[in-house]
Amino acid sequence: MSRVIRRIAPFAAVCVVVMLTLPASSSAATCRLSPSTARNMGPTYVIEAQLKQTGTSCSNAVRVTRAFHSCRLRRGKRGRCTTAVRGYSCRDRRPSDESIATQFTGHVTCRRGGARITHSYQQDT
């Protein structure tokens, strides 16, 4: 190994370790929703503190969330949206331990490229 490489190798190793321990630069921002907005987005209500976005604006996150629930509710209250919504691909998880006979909770993640929108909702049946 050359003398230059032997001197640079420890420095390069430290740089790699530091870069791996730093948090990602694009952290999720929570969108603030008024109680009336949270109740008028499609399901019984979107849980207010749970609408988060990365790589897009809060106004776009609200539009995508409303479009997702419009798509979902076309198939009934327990319906699922299986098509792209405003260019986003969405996944809806409904844990059985968060459901009762009269309502269920869903956790949605919508992605388009590097943009991501997540929210939780409750739907009365």
N, C-alpha and C. Protein backbone atom coordinates (compact mmCIF):
# COMPACT_ATOMS: atom_id res chain seq x y z
N MET A 1 0.85 -1.17 0.00
CA MET A 1 0.00 0.00 0.00
C MET A 1 0.90 1.23 0.00
N SER A 2 0.53 2.22 -0.79
CA SER A 2 1.37 3.42 -0.86
C SER A 2 1.21 4.24 0.41
N ARG A 3 2.15 5.12 0.60
CA ARG A 3 2.18 5.95 1.79
C ARG A 3 0.95 6.87 1.84
N VAL A 4 0.52 7.40 0.72
CA VAL A 4 -0.65 8.30 0.66
C VAL A 4 -1.92 7.55 1.05
N ILE A 5 -2.08 6.36 0.51
CA ILE A 5 -3.27 5.58 0.82
C ILE A 5 -3.31 5.20 2.29
N ARG A 6 -2.17 4.85 2.86
CA ARG A 6 -2.13 4.51 4.29
C ARG A 6 -2.51 5.70 5.16
N ARG A 7 -2.20 6.90 4.72
CA ARG A 7 -2.54 8.09 5.51
C ARG A 7 -4.02 8.47 5.33
N ILE A 8 -4.58 8.23 4.15
CA ILE A 8 -5.96 8.62 3.87
C ILE A 8 -6.96 7.58 4.37
N ALA A 9 -6.62 6.32 4.38
CA ALA A 9 -7.55 5.24 4.73
C ALA A 9 -8.22 5.45 6.09
N PRO A 10 -7.50 5.77 7.18
CA PRO A 10 -8.19 5.98 8.46
C PRO A 10 -9.18 7.16 8.39
N PHE A 11 -8.80 8.23 7.72
CA PHE A 11 -9.67 9.39 7.58
C PHE A 11 -10.93 9.01 6.80
N ALA A 12 -10.78 8.25 5.74
CA ALA A 12 -11.93 7.82 4.93
C ALA A 12 -12.85 6.93 5.74
N ALA A 13 -12.29 6.05 6.55
CA ALA A 13 -13.10 5.16 7.38
C ALA A 13 -13.92 5.97 8.39
N VAL A 14 -13.32 6.98 8.99
CA VAL A 14 -14.03 7.83 9.94
C VAL A 14 -15.16 8.57 9.23
N CYS A 15 -14.90 9.07 8.03
CA CYS A 15 -15.94 9.77 7.27
C CYS A 15 -17.13 8.86 6.97
N VAL A 16 -16.87 7.63 6.61
CA VAL A 16 -17.95 6.69 6.32
C VAL A 16 -18.78 6.43 7.57
N VAL A 17 -18.13 6.22 8.71
CA VAL A 17 -18.85 5.97 9.96
C VAL A 17 -19.71 7.18 10.34
N VAL A 18 -19.18 8.38 10.19
CA VAL A 18 -19.94 9.59 10.52
C VAL A 18 -21.14 9.72 9.60
N MET A 19 -20.97 9.48 8.31
CA MET A 19 -22.08 9.61 7.36
C MET A 19 -23.18 8.59 7.65
N LEU A 20 -22.81 7.40 8.09
CA LEU A 20 -23.82 6.38 8.39
C LEU A 20 -24.59 6.67 9.66
N THR A 21 -24.01 7.43 10.58
CA THR A 21 -24.69 7.71 11.84
C THR A 21 -25.52 8.98 11.80
N LEU A 22 -25.34 9.82 10.78
CA LEU A 22 -26.13 11.05 10.68
C LEU A 22 -27.55 10.72 10.26
N PRO A 23 -28.54 11.47 10.79
CA PRO A 23 -29.92 11.22 10.35
C PRO A 23 -30.11 11.66 8.92
N ALA A 24 -31.10 11.08 8.28
CA ALA A 24 -31.41 11.46 6.89
C ALA A 24 -31.84 12.92 6.84
N SER A 25 -31.49 13.60 5.77
CA SER A 25 -31.78 15.03 5.67
C SER A 25 -33.26 15.31 5.45
N SER A 26 -33.99 14.37 4.88
CA SER A 26 -35.41 14.60 4.63
C SER A 26 -36.24 13.90 5.70
N SER A 27 -36.50 14.60 6.79
CA SER A 27 -37.30 14.00 7.84
C SER A 27 -38.77 14.36 7.62
N ALA A 28 -39.63 13.54 8.14
CA ALA A 28 -41.06 13.74 7.95
C ALA A 28 -41.54 14.92 8.78
N ALA A 29 -42.39 15.73 8.18
CA ALA A 29 -43.00 16.86 8.87
C ALA A 29 -44.46 16.54 9.13
N THR A 30 -44.94 16.83 10.32
CA THR A 30 -46.34 16.61 10.66
C THR A 30 -47.15 17.79 10.17
N CYS A 31 -48.21 17.50 9.47
CA CYS A 31 -49.11 18.55 8.97
C CYS A 31 -50.15 18.85 10.05
N ARG A 32 -50.32 20.11 10.35
CA ARG A 32 -51.32 20.51 11.34
C ARG A 32 -52.70 20.55 10.68
N LEU A 33 -53.65 19.86 11.29
CA LEU A 33 -55.02 19.83 10.78
C LEU A 33 -55.95 20.39 11.83
N SER A 34 -56.90 21.19 11.41
CA SER A 34 -57.92 21.63 12.35
C SER A 34 -58.85 20.45 12.60
N PRO A 35 -59.54 20.43 13.74
CA PRO A 35 -60.46 19.32 14.00
C PRO A 35 -61.52 19.14 12.91
N SER A 36 -62.02 20.25 12.35
CA SER A 36 -63.04 20.11 11.31
C SER A 36 -62.44 19.54 10.02
N THR A 37 -61.22 19.91 9.69
CA THR A 37 -60.56 19.34 8.51
C THR A 37 -60.33 17.84 8.71
N ALA A 38 -59.88 17.46 9.90
CA ALA A 38 -59.62 16.05 10.19
C ALA A 38 -60.90 15.21 10.09
N ARG A 39 -62.05 15.81 10.42
CA ARG A 39 -63.31 15.07 10.34
C ARG A 39 -63.89 15.04 8.93
N ASN A 40 -63.42 15.91 8.04
CA ASN A 40 -64.02 16.02 6.71
C ASN A 40 -63.07 15.59 5.60
N MET A 41 -62.29 14.55 5.85
CA MET A 41 -61.35 14.08 4.83
C MET A 41 -61.76 12.76 4.21
N GLY A 42 -62.91 12.21 4.59
CA GLY A 42 -63.37 10.97 3.97
C GLY A 42 -63.82 9.94 4.98
N PRO A 43 -62.93 9.45 5.84
CA PRO A 43 -63.39 8.46 6.82
C PRO A 43 -64.10 9.16 7.96
N THR A 44 -64.44 8.43 9.02
CA THR A 44 -65.05 9.07 10.18
C THR A 44 -64.15 10.21 10.63
N TYR A 45 -62.85 9.96 10.76
CA TYR A 45 -61.89 11.04 10.93
C TYR A 45 -60.47 10.55 10.74
N VAL A 46 -59.62 11.48 10.30
CA VAL A 46 -58.18 11.24 10.21
C VAL A 46 -57.62 11.66 11.57
N ILE A 47 -56.79 10.83 12.15
CA ILE A 47 -56.21 11.15 13.45
C ILE A 47 -55.29 12.36 13.25
N GLU A 48 -55.61 13.46 13.94
CA GLU A 48 -55.02 14.77 13.66
C GLU A 48 -53.50 14.80 13.65
N ALA A 49 -52.86 14.20 14.62
CA ALA A 49 -51.40 14.29 14.73
C ALA A 49 -50.69 13.24 13.88
N GLN A 50 -51.41 12.52 13.03
CA GLN A 50 -50.81 11.43 12.30
C GLN A 50 -50.59 11.68 10.82
N LEU A 51 -50.95 12.84 10.29
CA LEU A 51 -50.72 13.13 8.87
C LEU A 51 -49.31 13.69 8.73
N LYS A 52 -48.43 12.92 8.09
CA LYS A 52 -47.04 13.33 7.94
C LYS A 52 -46.64 13.25 6.48
N GLN A 53 -45.74 14.12 6.07
CA GLN A 53 -45.29 14.13 4.68
C GLN A 53 -43.79 14.33 4.61
N THR A 54 -43.21 13.75 3.59
CA THR A 54 -41.79 13.93 3.28
C THR A 54 -41.70 14.13 1.77
N GLY A 55 -41.03 15.17 1.35
CA GLY A 55 -40.82 15.40 -0.07
C GLY A 55 -41.99 16.00 -0.81
N THR A 56 -42.98 16.52 -0.09
CA THR A 56 -44.13 17.18 -0.70
C THR A 56 -44.67 18.19 0.30
N SER A 57 -45.69 18.93 -0.08
CA SER A 57 -46.26 19.94 0.80
C SER A 57 -47.42 19.37 1.61
N CYS A 58 -47.77 20.04 2.69
CA CYS A 58 -48.92 19.60 3.48
C CYS A 58 -50.22 19.72 2.70
N SER A 59 -50.34 20.75 1.88
CA SER A 59 -51.57 20.89 1.10
C SER A 59 -51.72 19.73 0.12
N ASN A 60 -50.62 19.28 -0.47
CA ASN A 60 -50.69 18.12 -1.35
C ASN A 60 -50.98 16.85 -0.55
N ALA A 61 -50.43 16.75 0.65
CA ALA A 61 -50.70 15.59 1.50
C ALA A 61 -52.18 15.50 1.83
N VAL A 62 -52.82 16.64 2.10
CA VAL A 62 -54.25 16.65 2.37
C VAL A 62 -55.04 16.23 1.13
N ARG A 63 -54.65 16.73 -0.06
CA ARG A 63 -55.34 16.35 -1.30
C ARG A 63 -55.22 14.85 -1.57
N VAL A 64 -54.02 14.30 -1.38
CA VAL A 64 -53.81 12.86 -1.62
C VAL A 64 -54.63 12.05 -0.62
N THR A 65 -54.66 12.48 0.64
CA THR A 65 -55.42 11.77 1.67
C THR A 65 -56.91 11.77 1.34
N ARG A 66 -57.44 12.90 0.94
CA ARG A 66 -58.86 12.97 0.56
C ARG A 66 -59.15 12.09 -0.65
N ALA A 67 -58.26 12.12 -1.63
CA ALA A 67 -58.46 11.30 -2.83
C ALA A 67 -58.38 9.81 -2.49
N PHE A 68 -57.47 9.44 -1.59
CA PHE A 68 -57.36 8.04 -1.17
C PHE A 68 -58.67 7.57 -0.55
N HIS A 69 -59.23 8.36 0.36
CA HIS A 69 -60.47 7.94 1.03
C HIS A 69 -61.66 7.97 0.09
N SER A 70 -61.66 8.87 -0.87
CA SER A 70 -62.72 8.86 -1.88
C SER A 70 -62.67 7.56 -2.68
N CYS A 71 -61.47 7.16 -3.06
CA CYS A 71 -61.27 5.90 -3.78
C CYS A 71 -61.70 4.71 -2.92
N ARG A 72 -61.30 4.72 -1.66
CA ARG A 72 -61.59 3.61 -0.74
C ARG A 72 -63.09 3.48 -0.50
N LEU A 73 -63.77 4.60 -0.28
CA LEU A 73 -65.19 4.58 0.07
C LEU A 73 -66.09 4.25 -1.11
N ARG A 74 -65.57 4.31 -2.34
CA ARG A 74 -66.37 3.88 -3.50
C ARG A 74 -66.74 2.40 -3.40
N ARG A 75 -65.98 1.66 -2.61
CA ARG A 75 -66.23 0.22 -2.43
C ARG A 75 -66.88 -0.08 -1.09
N GLY A 76 -67.44 0.91 -0.44
CA GLY A 76 -68.10 0.72 0.84
C GLY A 76 -67.21 1.17 1.99
N LYS A 77 -67.78 1.20 3.19
CA LYS A 77 -67.03 1.69 4.35
C LYS A 77 -65.81 0.84 4.65
N ARG A 78 -65.89 -0.45 4.40
CA ARG A 78 -64.73 -1.32 4.64
C ARG A 78 -63.90 -1.52 3.37
N GLY A 79 -64.20 -0.74 2.33
CA GLY A 79 -63.53 -0.89 1.05
C GLY A 79 -62.05 -0.54 1.09
N ARG A 80 -61.36 -0.97 0.05
CA ARG A 80 -59.93 -0.69 -0.09
C ARG A 80 -59.68 -0.04 -1.44
N CYS A 81 -58.72 0.85 -1.48
CA CYS A 81 -58.33 1.51 -2.73
C CYS A 81 -57.16 0.71 -3.32
N THR A 82 -57.33 0.22 -4.54
CA THR A 82 -56.29 -0.62 -5.15
C THR A 82 -55.65 0.04 -6.36
N THR A 83 -55.99 1.31 -6.63
CA THR A 83 -55.41 2.02 -7.77
C THR A 83 -54.56 3.19 -7.28
N ALA A 84 -53.75 3.73 -8.17
CA ALA A 84 -52.93 4.90 -7.82
C ALA A 84 -53.84 6.10 -7.57
N VAL A 85 -53.43 6.94 -6.63
CA VAL A 85 -54.20 8.11 -6.24
C VAL A 85 -53.33 9.34 -6.46
N ARG A 86 -53.72 10.19 -7.43
CA ARG A 86 -52.96 11.40 -7.74
C ARG A 86 -51.48 11.08 -7.99
N GLY A 87 -51.21 9.93 -8.59
CA GLY A 87 -49.85 9.52 -8.91
C GLY A 87 -49.13 8.81 -7.78
N TYR A 88 -49.79 8.62 -6.64
CA TYR A 88 -49.19 7.95 -5.48
C TYR A 88 -49.71 6.53 -5.38
N SER A 89 -48.84 5.62 -4.99
CA SER A 89 -49.22 4.24 -4.71
C SER A 89 -49.41 4.13 -3.20
N CYS A 90 -50.58 3.71 -2.76
CA CYS A 90 -50.91 3.69 -1.33
C CYS A 90 -51.09 2.27 -0.81
N ARG A 91 -50.67 2.09 0.43
CA ARG A 91 -50.84 0.80 1.13
C ARG A 91 -51.61 1.07 2.42
N ASP A 92 -52.66 0.32 2.65
CA ASP A 92 -53.54 0.49 3.81
C ASP A 92 -53.42 -0.74 4.72
N ARG A 93 -52.88 -0.55 5.92
CA ARG A 93 -52.78 -1.64 6.90
C ARG A 93 -53.85 -1.45 7.97
N ARG A 94 -54.52 -2.53 8.33
CA ARG A 94 -55.57 -2.49 9.35
C ARG A 94 -55.31 -3.57 10.39
N PRO A 95 -54.54 -3.25 11.42
CA PRO A 95 -54.23 -4.27 12.45
C PRO A 95 -55.50 -4.74 13.15
N SER A 96 -55.63 -6.04 13.30
CA SER A 96 -56.84 -6.60 13.91
C SER A 96 -56.95 -6.23 15.40
N ASP A 97 -55.81 -5.98 16.05
CA ASP A 97 -55.88 -5.63 17.47
C ASP A 97 -56.35 -4.19 17.69
N GLU A 98 -56.52 -3.41 16.61
CA GLU A 98 -57.01 -2.04 16.72
C GLU A 98 -58.43 -1.92 16.18
N SER A 99 -59.11 -3.05 16.01
CA SER A 99 -60.46 -3.04 15.45
C SER A 99 -61.45 -3.63 16.44
N ILE A 100 -62.67 -3.12 16.38
CA ILE A 100 -63.78 -3.70 17.12
C ILE A 100 -64.92 -3.87 16.11
N ALA A 101 -66.03 -4.42 16.54
CA ALA A 101 -67.13 -4.72 15.62
C ALA A 101 -67.69 -3.47 14.95
N THR A 102 -67.63 -2.32 15.63
CA THR A 102 -68.26 -1.12 15.10
C THR A 102 -67.29 -0.13 14.47
N GLN A 103 -65.98 -0.36 14.56
CA GLN A 103 -65.02 0.54 13.91
C GLN A 103 -63.67 -0.14 13.72
N PHE A 104 -62.88 0.40 12.81
CA PHE A 104 -61.53 -0.09 12.61
C PHE A 104 -60.59 1.09 12.39
N THR A 105 -59.31 0.84 12.61
CA THR A 105 -58.27 1.84 12.42
C THR A 105 -57.39 1.39 11.26
N GLY A 106 -57.03 2.33 10.40
CA GLY A 106 -56.16 2.04 9.28
C GLY A 106 -54.93 2.93 9.31
N HIS A 107 -53.81 2.41 8.85
CA HIS A 107 -52.56 3.14 8.74
C HIS A 107 -52.15 3.11 7.27
N VAL A 108 -52.04 4.28 6.66
CA VAL A 108 -51.83 4.38 5.21
C VAL A 108 -50.48 5.02 4.92
N THR A 109 -49.76 4.44 3.96
CA THR A 109 -48.52 5.02 3.45
C THR A 109 -48.68 5.15 1.94
N CYS A 110 -48.53 6.37 1.44
CA CYS A 110 -48.60 6.63 0.00
C CYS A 110 -47.23 7.11 -0.46
N ARG A 111 -46.73 6.55 -1.57
CA ARG A 111 -45.40 6.89 -2.08
C ARG A 111 -45.46 7.23 -3.56
N ARG A 112 -44.62 8.20 -3.92
CA ARG A 112 -44.38 8.52 -5.32
C ARG A 112 -42.94 9.02 -5.40
N GLY A 113 -42.08 8.21 -5.98
CA GLY A 113 -40.66 8.56 -6.03
C GLY A 113 -40.13 8.70 -4.61
N GLY A 114 -39.51 9.85 -4.30
CA GLY A 114 -38.97 10.10 -2.96
C GLY A 114 -39.98 10.69 -2.01
N ALA A 115 -41.16 11.05 -2.51
CA ALA A 115 -42.19 11.65 -1.65
C ALA A 115 -42.97 10.55 -0.92
N ARG A 116 -43.31 10.84 0.32
CA ARG A 116 -44.06 9.87 1.12
C ARG A 116 -45.06 10.62 2.00
N ILE A 117 -46.28 10.09 2.07
CA ILE A 117 -47.34 10.65 2.90
C ILE A 117 -47.87 9.51 3.76
N THR A 118 -47.94 9.72 5.06
CA THR A 118 -48.49 8.70 5.96
C THR A 118 -49.59 9.33 6.80
N HIS A 119 -50.61 8.55 7.09
CA HIS A 119 -51.65 9.00 8.01
C HIS A 119 -52.38 7.80 8.60
N SER A 120 -53.07 8.05 9.68
CA SER A 120 -53.90 7.05 10.34
C SER A 120 -55.32 7.57 10.38
N TYR A 121 -56.28 6.67 10.34
CA TYR A 121 -57.68 7.06 10.36
C TYR A 121 -58.50 6.05 11.12
N GLN A 122 -59.68 6.46 11.53
CA GLN A 122 -60.65 5.55 12.12
C GLN A 122 -61.92 5.63 11.30
N GLN A 123 -62.53 4.48 11.07
CA GLN A 123 -63.76 4.41 10.29
C GLN A 123 -64.82 3.66 11.10
N ASP A 124 -65.93 4.34 11.33
CA ASP A 124 -67.07 3.67 11.96
C ASP A 124 -67.79 2.86 10.88
N THR A 125 -68.23 1.66 11.24
CA THR A 125 -68.91 0.82 10.25
C THR A 125 -70.41 0.82 10.44
